[in-house]
Amino acid sequence: MSVQSYIRAVPNLTILQGGAVQKINFRVLVNDYGPAVLNTAIRILGDSQKAQDVHQEVFLAIWRRWHKYNGKTKWGAYLYRTTVRKAIEFAKRARNKQFVEQQPRNTITNERPDAPLRAAELKQKLIKSLGQLPKRQADVFVLSRIEGLKHNKIAEVLGCSQETVRVHLHRATKRLARELSDYLG
């Protein structure tokens, strides 16, 4: 079932914004935040088809819990966190599927003959390694290194201190460097 099918079936939700009571419906939420959710998923997964699947999973999860949301939900941060989490979960599920991306080769190049294969292997290994990190470490790493957010913004999105962000990022980077050392050195 597509997101559009759910939009028609979900009632309005009363929320408080700036002290005023407003109604927001699922259609408005999808229209306002859908492109950002999709772009975030594309940046994490590097594949628009997979990102569209994550986009639908994010909004399906919200639709299923729509009755539980209250007026204090900060939709931007909430959707960002949910998208990152769903993209990592998607990557975990896909890590068992082995594939090699076919990349066009330039016949006049200085790159190693096995460079496309190594790049595909590195991407798969990175996705697998991210899936094995503790949840917070994976979230912080993705938000920092893939999304390019600064520590204060990550702390705001995840609801923790900047020092906690630094610690999680350090631990994640150290572990990933250890696991990817065959490809990095």
Protein backbone atom coordinates (compact mmCIF):
# COMPACT_ATOMS: atom_id res chain seq x y z
CA MET A 1 0.00 0.00 0.00
CA SER A 2 1.40 3.42 -0.91
CA VAL A 3 1.71 6.48 1.31
CA GLN A 4 -1.04 8.13 -0.74
CA SER A 5 -3.46 5.34 0.25
CA TYR A 6 -2.76 5.96 3.93
CA ILE A 7 -3.19 9.69 3.54
CA ARG A 8 -6.83 9.26 2.64
CA ALA A 9 -7.51 7.04 5.67
CA VAL A 10 -5.94 9.08 8.50
CA PRO A 11 -7.81 11.70 10.53
CA ASN A 12 -6.47 15.06 11.60
CA LEU A 13 -4.24 15.39 14.63
CA THR A 14 -4.52 18.39 16.90
CA ILE A 15 -1.12 19.81 17.75
CA LEU A 16 0.19 22.80 19.64
CA GLN A 17 2.58 25.08 17.79
CA GLY A 18 3.65 28.36 19.30
CA GLY A 19 0.92 28.11 21.94
CA ALA A 20 -1.88 27.83 19.38
CA VAL A 21 -3.96 24.76 18.76
CA GLN A 22 -3.81 23.64 15.15
CA LYS A 23 -4.90 20.62 13.23
CA ILE A 24 -2.43 18.79 11.07
CA ASN A 25 -3.43 15.93 8.89
CA PHE A 26 -1.31 13.16 7.54
CA ARG A 27 -1.42 14.58 4.01
CA VAL A 28 0.12 17.86 5.19
CA LEU A 29 2.79 15.98 7.12
CA VAL A 30 3.73 13.87 4.08
CA ASN A 31 3.66 16.85 1.73
CA ASP A 32 5.72 19.06 4.05
CA TYR A 33 8.31 16.51 5.17
CA GLY A 34 8.22 13.81 2.49
CA PRO A 35 10.94 15.32 0.27
CA ALA A 36 13.31 15.77 3.24
CA VAL A 37 12.71 12.18 4.37
CA LEU A 38 13.40 10.89 0.86
CA ASN A 39 16.56 13.01 0.44
CA THR A 40 17.92 11.87 3.80
CA ALA A 41 17.32 8.23 2.89
CA ILE A 42 19.01 8.70 -0.50
CA ARG A 43 22.09 10.25 1.13
CA ILE A 44 22.36 7.37 3.60
CA LEU A 45 21.65 4.49 1.23
CA GLY A 46 22.95 5.95 -2.03
CA ASP A 47 20.09 4.35 -3.95
CA SER A 48 16.83 6.11 -4.83
CA GLN A 49 14.78 2.90 -5.08
CA LYS A 50 15.84 1.76 -1.62
CA ALA A 51 15.30 5.29 -0.32
CA GLN A 52 11.72 5.24 -1.62
CA ASP A 53 11.15 2.02 0.32
CA VAL A 54 12.49 3.69 3.48
CA HIS A 55 10.31 6.75 2.78
CA GLN A 56 7.23 4.54 2.73
CA GLU A 57 8.34 2.65 5.84
CA VAL A 58 8.79 5.91 7.77
CA PHE A 59 5.34 7.22 6.94
CA LEU A 60 3.73 3.82 7.40
CA ALA A 61 5.20 3.65 10.92
CA ILE A 62 3.80 7.10 11.69
CA TRP A 63 0.40 6.21 10.23
CA ARG A 64 0.21 3.10 12.42
CA ARG A 65 0.94 5.15 15.54
CA TRP A 66 -0.91 8.32 14.51
CA HIS A 67 -3.33 8.07 17.42
CA LYS A 68 -0.44 8.07 19.93
CA TYR A 69 1.17 11.36 18.88
CA ASN A 70 0.56 14.45 20.94
CA GLY A 71 0.96 18.17 20.42
CA LYS A 72 4.57 18.10 21.61
CA THR A 73 5.97 16.15 18.68
CA LYS A 74 8.72 18.06 16.89
CA TRP A 75 8.09 16.59 13.47
CA GLY A 76 11.31 17.75 11.80
CA ALA A 77 13.63 16.16 14.36
CA TYR A 78 11.37 13.14 14.85
CA LEU A 79 11.18 12.35 11.14
CA TYR A 80 14.91 12.87 10.73
CA ARG A 81 15.69 10.41 13.53
CA THR A 82 13.13 7.92 12.25
CA THR A 83 14.47 8.12 8.71
CA VAL A 84 18.06 7.54 9.82
CA ARG A 85 16.98 4.58 11.95
CA LYS A 86 14.83 3.05 9.19
CA ALA A 87 17.63 3.49 6.61
CA ILE A 88 20.10 1.73 8.90
CA GLU A 89 17.58 -1.06 9.53
CA PHE A 90 17.04 -1.35 5.78
CA ALA A 91 20.80 -1.60 5.24
CA LYS A 92 21.01 -4.31 7.92
CA ARG A 93 18.35 -6.36 6.15
CA ALA A 94 20.09 -5.91 2.82
CA ARG A 95 23.57 -6.78 4.10
CA ASN A 96 22.94 -10.48 3.56
CA LYS A 97 22.36 -9.87 -0.11
CA GLN A 98 25.70 -9.77 -1.85
CA PHE A 99 26.01 -7.79 -5.02
CA VAL A 100 28.64 -6.05 -7.05
CA GLU A 101 27.70 -2.78 -8.66
CA GLN A 102 28.59 -2.58 -12.30
CA GLN A 103 30.32 0.73 -12.94
CA PRO A 104 31.35 1.96 -16.35
CA ARG A 105 35.07 1.78 -16.74
CA ASN A 106 37.18 4.45 -18.30
CA THR A 107 39.82 2.80 -20.47
CA ILE A 108 42.26 5.66 -19.88
CA THR A 109 42.65 5.76 -16.14
CA ASN A 110 45.17 5.49 -13.37
CA GLU A 111 42.87 3.56 -11.06
CA ARG A 112 43.53 -0.04 -10.18
CA PRO A 113 41.69 -2.61 -12.29
CA ASP A 114 39.85 -3.86 -9.20
CA ALA A 115 38.89 -0.36 -7.95
CA PRO A 116 35.15 -0.66 -8.77
CA LEU A 117 34.99 -4.04 -7.06
CA ARG A 118 36.87 -2.75 -4.00
CA ALA A 119 34.60 0.30 -3.81
CA ALA A 120 31.50 -1.91 -3.91
CA GLU A 121 32.98 -4.20 -1.26
CA LEU A 122 33.87 -1.21 0.92
CA LYS A 123 30.33 0.15 0.64
CA GLN A 124 28.86 -3.23 1.62
CA LYS A 125 31.31 -3.61 4.50
CA LEU A 126 30.53 -0.09 5.73
CA ILE A 127 26.78 -0.75 5.66
CA LYS A 128 27.28 -4.05 7.47
CA SER A 129 29.58 -2.45 10.05
CA LEU A 130 27.15 0.42 10.65
CA GLY A 131 24.42 -2.14 11.26
CA GLN A 132 26.54 -3.79 13.93
CA LEU A 133 27.25 -0.60 15.87
CA PRO A 134 25.16 0.20 18.94
CA LYS A 135 22.11 2.26 17.96
CA ARG A 136 23.35 5.62 19.30
CA GLN A 137 26.81 5.23 17.79
CA ALA A 138 25.34 4.41 14.37
CA ASP A 139 22.91 7.33 14.58
CA VAL A 140 25.64 9.79 15.54
CA PHE A 141 28.03 8.51 12.86
CA VAL A 142 25.42 8.74 10.10
CA LEU A 143 24.25 12.20 11.17
CA SER A 144 27.81 13.49 11.43
CA ARG A 145 29.75 11.82 8.65
CA ILE A 146 27.04 11.11 6.08
CA GLU A 147 24.56 13.91 6.75
CA GLY A 148 27.24 16.45 7.70
CA LEU A 149 25.46 17.80 10.78
CA LYS A 150 27.41 19.64 13.46
CA HIS A 151 27.60 18.24 17.00
CA ASN A 152 25.13 20.76 18.45
CA LYS A 153 22.49 19.87 15.83
CA ILE A 154 23.03 16.13 16.38
CA ALA A 155 22.64 16.66 20.13
CA GLU A 156 19.36 18.50 19.49
CA VAL A 157 18.03 15.82 17.12
CA LEU A 158 18.95 12.93 19.44
CA GLY A 159 18.12 14.70 22.70
CA CYS A 160 21.54 14.35 24.31
CA SER A 161 24.55 16.53 25.16
CA GLN A 162 27.25 17.54 22.71
CA GLU A 163 29.79 15.67 24.84
CA THR A 164 27.73 12.49 24.45
CA VAL A 165 27.71 13.06 20.69
CA ARG A 166 31.52 13.42 20.69
CA VAL A 167 31.98 10.23 22.72
CA HIS A 168 29.64 8.19 20.49
CA LEU A 169 31.27 9.56 17.34
CA HIS A 170 34.75 8.74 18.64
CA ARG A 171 33.76 5.19 19.56
CA ALA A 172 31.96 4.61 16.26
CA THR A 173 34.85 6.00 14.21
CA LYS A 174 37.39 3.94 16.12
CA ARG A 175 35.39 0.73 15.69
CA LEU A 176 34.67 1.36 12.00
CA ALA A 177 38.33 2.16 11.32
CA ARG A 178 39.28 -1.14 12.94
CA GLU A 179 36.69 -3.10 10.94
CA LEU A 180 37.50 -1.37 7.64
CA SER A 181 41.29 -1.34 8.04
CA ASP A 182 41.76 -3.76 5.12
CA TYR A 183 40.15 -1.20 2.80
CA LEU A 184 41.61 1.96 4.31
CA GLY A 185 45.27 1.12 4.58
